[in-house]
Amino acid sequence: MSNTSNFRNAIRDVRGQSLIGPNVIGNALPYLGGGLVLTAVGTYGGLGVIQSYPNLFFPSFIAAIIVELILFFVARNVAENGNNGTALPLLALYSLLSGYTLSGIVFVALGTQGVGLQGIAIAAGGCGIAFVAGRSIGSNLSDQDGMALTKTISLGVIALFVVMVGQLLFSLFGVYTPTWLEIAISGLGVFLFAGAAVVDFYILPRTYRDDQYLSAALSMYLTYINLFIFILRLLIAINGRD
């Protein structure tokens, strides 16, 4: 959920802006692809730890989340300042850790009847469809429609983040979300991050210069990782119901 701040900053920066980075998305795509590959490597490593050293996974998972959050803010600031040489290895490590923390939900998906590898493929395919549709729609939005969609998605993601925090706090006290509500939350997450995929193609060329491609890649990376997570959550909730 780290890209809630990205949305707010983007809305602030994009007002009245024409394209300042017409090629920034094209420049970012190889780094987005590389980050996703590293995430897959991190996920594979995390699954190996779960299977071989299950008692070690949870403490290492918590440590990875903490380091991941620190890396996110540091790498984002470095990338936005145009220091790509320093930002690139930080983002590479961030992608690996992100994959490691993803391994938990992937493990659950693999163990859920009706999801498994097929469900993971569906989630990945859904991200691919969102990319193609987002590129087609977002690149052709008018300024009025683009800003309206950006504000709507921004508010929705913030609301979703609040719900997720509440869900986490309740779970700490042993109160778990009923299946129907989990399906609703996951479905909302899929809808919002599919919308964010459209917003990226409108807002990033108006927010980042062509040489700030790593910042654009990070924003897109967060969109597709979150979309992948919520598609998996939705499939798990549907197939795991009593």
Protein backbone atom coordinates (compact mmCIF):
# COMPACT_ATOMS: atom_id res chain seq x y z
CA MET A 1 0.00 0.00 0.00
CA SER A 2 2.99 2.30 -0.19
CA ASN A 3 1.70 4.05 -3.27
CA THR A 4 -1.06 5.96 -1.43
CA SER A 5 1.53 8.73 -0.96
CA ASN A 6 2.48 8.43 -4.63
CA PHE A 7 -1.10 9.21 -5.62
CA ARG A 8 -1.33 12.28 -3.38
CA ASN A 9 2.01 13.63 -4.61
CA ALA A 10 1.08 12.94 -8.22
CA ILE A 11 -2.23 14.82 -7.95
CA ARG A 12 -0.44 17.78 -6.39
CA ASP A 13 2.30 17.86 -9.00
CA VAL A 14 0.22 17.19 -12.11
CA ARG A 15 -2.24 20.10 -11.87
CA GLY A 16 -1.87 22.27 -14.93
CA GLN A 17 1.01 20.21 -16.29
CA SER A 18 1.48 19.20 -19.89
CA LEU A 19 3.71 16.24 -20.73
CA ILE A 20 7.14 16.71 -19.18
CA GLY A 21 8.32 13.13 -19.75
CA PRO A 22 6.73 11.82 -22.96
CA ASN A 23 9.17 8.90 -23.07
CA VAL A 24 9.39 8.18 -19.34
CA ILE A 25 7.12 5.11 -19.43
CA GLY A 26 9.01 3.58 -22.34
CA ASN A 27 12.27 4.19 -20.47
CA ALA A 28 10.81 2.66 -17.31
CA LEU A 29 9.47 -0.58 -18.80
CA PRO A 30 12.78 -2.54 -18.87
CA TYR A 31 13.33 -1.71 -15.20
CA LEU A 32 9.74 -2.61 -14.35
CA GLY A 33 10.25 -5.97 -16.04
CA GLY A 34 13.55 -6.51 -14.25
CA GLY A 35 11.96 -5.67 -10.91
CA LEU A 36 9.17 -8.18 -11.49
CA VAL A 37 11.71 -10.88 -12.39
CA LEU A 38 13.63 -10.18 -9.16
CA THR A 39 10.34 -10.32 -7.27
CA ALA A 40 9.69 -13.79 -8.69
CA VAL A 41 13.19 -14.83 -7.56
CA GLY A 42 12.49 -13.48 -4.07
CA THR A 43 9.17 -15.31 -3.95
CA TYR A 44 10.84 -18.57 -4.96
CA GLY A 45 13.40 -18.09 -2.21
CA GLY A 46 10.69 -17.35 0.34
CA LEU A 47 8.80 -20.50 -0.62
CA GLY A 48 12.00 -22.46 -0.11
CA VAL A 49 12.37 -21.03 3.40
CA ILE A 50 8.72 -21.83 4.23
CA GLN A 51 9.16 -25.44 3.15
CA SER A 52 12.62 -26.06 4.60
CA TYR A 53 12.73 -23.77 7.65
CA PRO A 54 9.12 -22.90 8.57
CA ASN A 55 10.07 -21.64 12.04
CA LEU A 56 12.48 -19.15 10.49
CA PHE A 57 10.06 -17.68 7.99
CA PHE A 58 7.88 -15.49 10.24
CA PRO A 59 10.72 -13.58 11.97
CA SER A 60 12.51 -13.17 8.64
CA PHE A 61 9.22 -12.02 7.08
CA ILE A 62 8.84 -9.27 9.70
CA ALA A 63 12.47 -8.19 9.24
CA ALA A 64 12.02 -8.13 5.45
CA ILE A 65 8.93 -5.90 5.73
CA ILE A 66 10.78 -3.40 7.93
CA VAL A 67 13.79 -3.25 5.61
CA GLU A 68 11.48 -3.10 2.59
CA LEU A 69 9.66 -0.05 3.95
CA ILE A 70 12.92 1.74 4.67
CA LEU A 71 14.25 0.90 1.22
CA PHE A 72 11.07 2.15 -0.42
CA PHE A 73 11.34 5.66 0.98
CA VAL A 74 15.10 5.90 0.53
CA ALA A 75 15.07 4.55 -3.03
CA ARG A 76 12.11 6.72 -4.04
CA ASN A 77 13.80 9.89 -2.79
CA VAL A 78 17.10 8.98 -4.47
CA ALA A 79 15.35 8.16 -7.75
CA GLU A 80 13.30 11.37 -7.74
CA ASN A 81 16.53 13.33 -7.34
CA GLY A 82 17.75 11.73 -10.55
CA ASN A 83 20.54 9.67 -8.94
CA ASN A 84 19.74 6.56 -10.95
CA GLY A 85 23.09 4.87 -10.34
CA THR A 86 22.46 4.77 -6.60
CA ALA A 87 18.72 4.11 -6.84
CA LEU A 88 19.00 1.08 -9.13
CA PRO A 89 20.65 -1.37 -6.66
CA LEU A 90 18.34 -0.13 -3.89
CA LEU A 91 15.31 -0.84 -6.05
CA ALA A 92 16.72 -4.23 -7.02
CA LEU A 93 17.04 -5.19 -3.36
CA TYR A 94 13.56 -3.78 -2.70
CA SER A 95 12.15 -6.01 -5.45
CA LEU A 96 13.82 -9.10 -3.98
CA LEU A 97 12.47 -8.35 -0.50
CA SER A 98 9.05 -7.62 -1.93
CA GLY A 99 9.08 -11.06 -3.51
CA TYR A 100 10.13 -12.63 -0.22
CA THR A 101 7.19 -11.02 1.60
CA LEU A 102 4.86 -12.10 -1.23
CA SER A 103 5.82 -15.74 -0.71
CA GLY A 104 3.39 -16.05 2.22
CA ILE A 105 0.26 -15.36 0.17
CA VAL A 106 1.64 -17.37 -2.76
CA PHE A 107 2.15 -20.32 -0.39
CA VAL A 108 -1.45 -20.01 0.81
CA ALA A 109 -2.65 -19.82 -2.80
CA LEU A 110 -0.71 -22.95 -3.73
CA GLY A 111 -2.30 -24.79 -0.81
CA THR A 112 -5.86 -23.63 -1.53
CA GLN A 113 -7.94 -26.05 -3.55
CA GLY A 114 -9.14 -24.39 -6.73
CA VAL A 115 -6.34 -21.81 -6.77
CA GLY A 116 -2.86 -23.33 -6.94
CA LEU A 117 -0.58 -22.61 -9.90
CA GLN A 118 -3.57 -21.90 -12.08
CA GLY A 119 -4.68 -19.11 -9.74
CA ILE A 120 -1.19 -17.60 -9.69
CA ALA A 121 -1.19 -17.68 -13.50
CA ILE A 122 -4.61 -16.00 -13.53
CA ALA A 123 -3.34 -13.25 -11.19
CA ALA A 124 -0.26 -12.68 -13.36
CA GLY A 125 -2.40 -12.71 -16.50
CA GLY A 126 -4.77 -10.21 -14.93
CA CYS A 127 -1.85 -7.86 -14.37
CA GLY A 128 -0.87 -8.25 -18.02
CA ILE A 129 -4.40 -7.45 -19.18
CA ALA A 130 -4.46 -4.40 -16.87
CA PHE A 131 -1.19 -3.21 -18.42
CA VAL A 132 -2.47 -3.51 -22.00
CA ALA A 133 -5.84 -1.91 -21.19
CA GLY A 134 -4.24 0.76 -19.02
CA ARG A 135 -1.83 1.76 -21.76
CA SER A 136 -4.63 2.02 -24.31
CA ILE A 137 -7.05 3.94 -22.10
CA GLY A 138 -4.72 6.00 -19.91
CA SER A 139 -2.63 7.35 -22.78
CA ASN A 140 -5.75 8.78 -24.43
CA LEU A 141 -7.51 10.33 -21.45
CA SER A 142 -8.39 14.00 -21.58
CA ASP A 143 -7.03 16.20 -18.79
CA GLN A 144 -10.48 16.50 -17.24
CA ASP A 145 -11.15 12.77 -17.28
CA GLY A 146 -7.59 11.93 -16.23
CA MET A 147 -7.68 14.17 -13.18
CA ALA A 148 -11.15 12.96 -12.19
CA LEU A 149 -10.08 9.32 -12.41
CA THR A 150 -6.83 10.03 -10.54
CA LYS A 151 -8.67 11.70 -7.66
CA THR A 152 -11.25 8.92 -7.49
CA ILE A 153 -8.64 6.14 -7.43
CA SER A 154 -6.56 8.08 -4.90
CA LEU A 155 -9.46 8.40 -2.47
CA GLY A 156 -10.39 4.76 -3.01
CA VAL A 157 -6.87 3.51 -2.29
CA ILE A 158 -6.66 5.61 0.88
CA ALA A 159 -10.01 4.20 2.05
CA LEU A 160 -8.84 0.68 1.22
CA PHE A 161 -5.65 1.25 3.20
CA VAL A 162 -7.69 2.35 6.24
CA VAL A 163 -9.87 -0.77 5.95
CA MET A 164 -6.78 -2.98 5.67
CA VAL A 165 -5.25 -1.44 8.79
CA GLY A 166 -8.51 -2.00 10.66
CA GLN A 167 -8.63 -5.58 9.41
CA LEU A 168 -5.08 -6.15 10.69
CA LEU A 169 -5.84 -4.62 14.10
CA PHE A 170 -8.96 -6.77 14.51
CA SER A 171 -6.99 -9.89 13.59
CA LEU A 172 -4.51 -9.13 16.37
CA PHE A 173 -7.42 -9.49 18.82
CA GLY A 174 -8.62 -12.70 17.22
CA VAL A 175 -11.44 -11.09 15.21
CA TYR A 176 -11.17 -12.23 11.59
CA THR A 177 -12.93 -10.93 8.52
CA PRO A 178 -15.89 -13.09 7.39
CA THR A 179 -15.55 -14.61 3.94
CA TRP A 180 -18.13 -12.36 2.26
CA LEU A 181 -16.37 -9.24 3.55
CA GLU A 182 -12.95 -10.55 2.51
CA ILE A 183 -14.35 -11.12 -0.99
CA ALA A 184 -15.73 -7.57 -1.04
CA ILE A 185 -12.44 -6.04 0.17
CA SER A 186 -10.39 -8.07 -2.30
CA GLY A 187 -12.76 -7.25 -5.17
CA LEU A 188 -12.51 -3.56 -4.33
CA GLY A 189 -8.71 -3.83 -4.30
CA VAL A 190 -8.73 -5.46 -7.75
CA PHE A 191 -11.00 -2.72 -9.10
CA LEU A 192 -8.92 0.11 -7.62
CA PHE A 193 -5.53 -1.14 -8.75
CA ALA A 194 -6.86 -1.95 -12.22
CA GLY A 195 -7.92 1.70 -12.25
CA ALA A 196 -4.48 2.69 -11.00
CA ALA A 197 -2.97 0.91 -14.03
CA VAL A 198 -4.96 3.32 -16.22
CA VAL A 199 -3.99 6.32 -14.09
CA ASP A 200 -0.27 5.50 -14.37
CA PHE A 201 -0.27 6.00 -18.13
CA TYR A 202 -1.98 9.36 -17.75
CA ILE A 203 -0.17 10.78 -14.76
CA LEU A 204 3.43 9.54 -14.95
CA PRO A 205 4.39 11.45 -18.13
CA ARG A 206 3.01 14.58 -16.45
CA THR A 207 4.86 13.95 -13.18
CA TYR A 208 8.32 12.63 -14.11
CA ARG A 209 10.92 13.72 -16.65
CA ASP A 210 12.34 11.20 -19.08
CA ASP A 211 15.45 10.77 -16.91
CA GLN A 212 13.29 9.92 -13.84
CA TYR A 213 12.38 6.56 -15.30
CA LEU A 214 13.20 4.66 -12.10
CA SER A 215 10.59 6.66 -10.18
CA ALA A 216 8.04 5.83 -12.88
CA ALA A 217 9.07 2.17 -12.81
CA LEU A 218 8.61 2.07 -9.02
CA SER A 219 5.13 3.58 -9.26
CA MET A 220 4.07 1.06 -11.92
CA TYR A 221 5.69 -1.78 -9.98
CA LEU A 222 3.60 -0.97 -6.91
CA THR A 223 0.44 -0.89 -9.00
CA TYR A 224 0.96 -4.35 -10.50
CA ILE A 225 2.23 -5.98 -7.29
CA ASN A 226 -0.83 -4.73 -5.41
CA LEU A 227 -3.12 -5.84 -8.24
CA PHE A 228 -1.50 -9.30 -8.18
CA ILE A 229 -1.97 -9.54 -4.41
CA PHE A 230 -5.64 -8.57 -4.50
CA ILE A 231 -6.45 -10.93 -7.37
CA LEU A 232 -4.85 -13.75 -5.35
CA ARG A 233 -6.72 -12.69 -2.20
CA LEU A 234 -9.98 -12.71 -4.14
CA LEU A 235 -9.33 -16.19 -5.57
CA ILE A 236 -8.33 -17.53 -2.15
CA ALA A 237 -11.42 -16.02 -0.50
CA ILE A 238 -13.76 -17.44 -3.15
CA ASN A 239 -12.24 -20.91 -3.25
CA GLY A 240 -11.50 -21.13 0.45
CA ARG A 241 -15.04 -20.42 1.62
CA ASP A 242 -16.85 -23.05 3.65
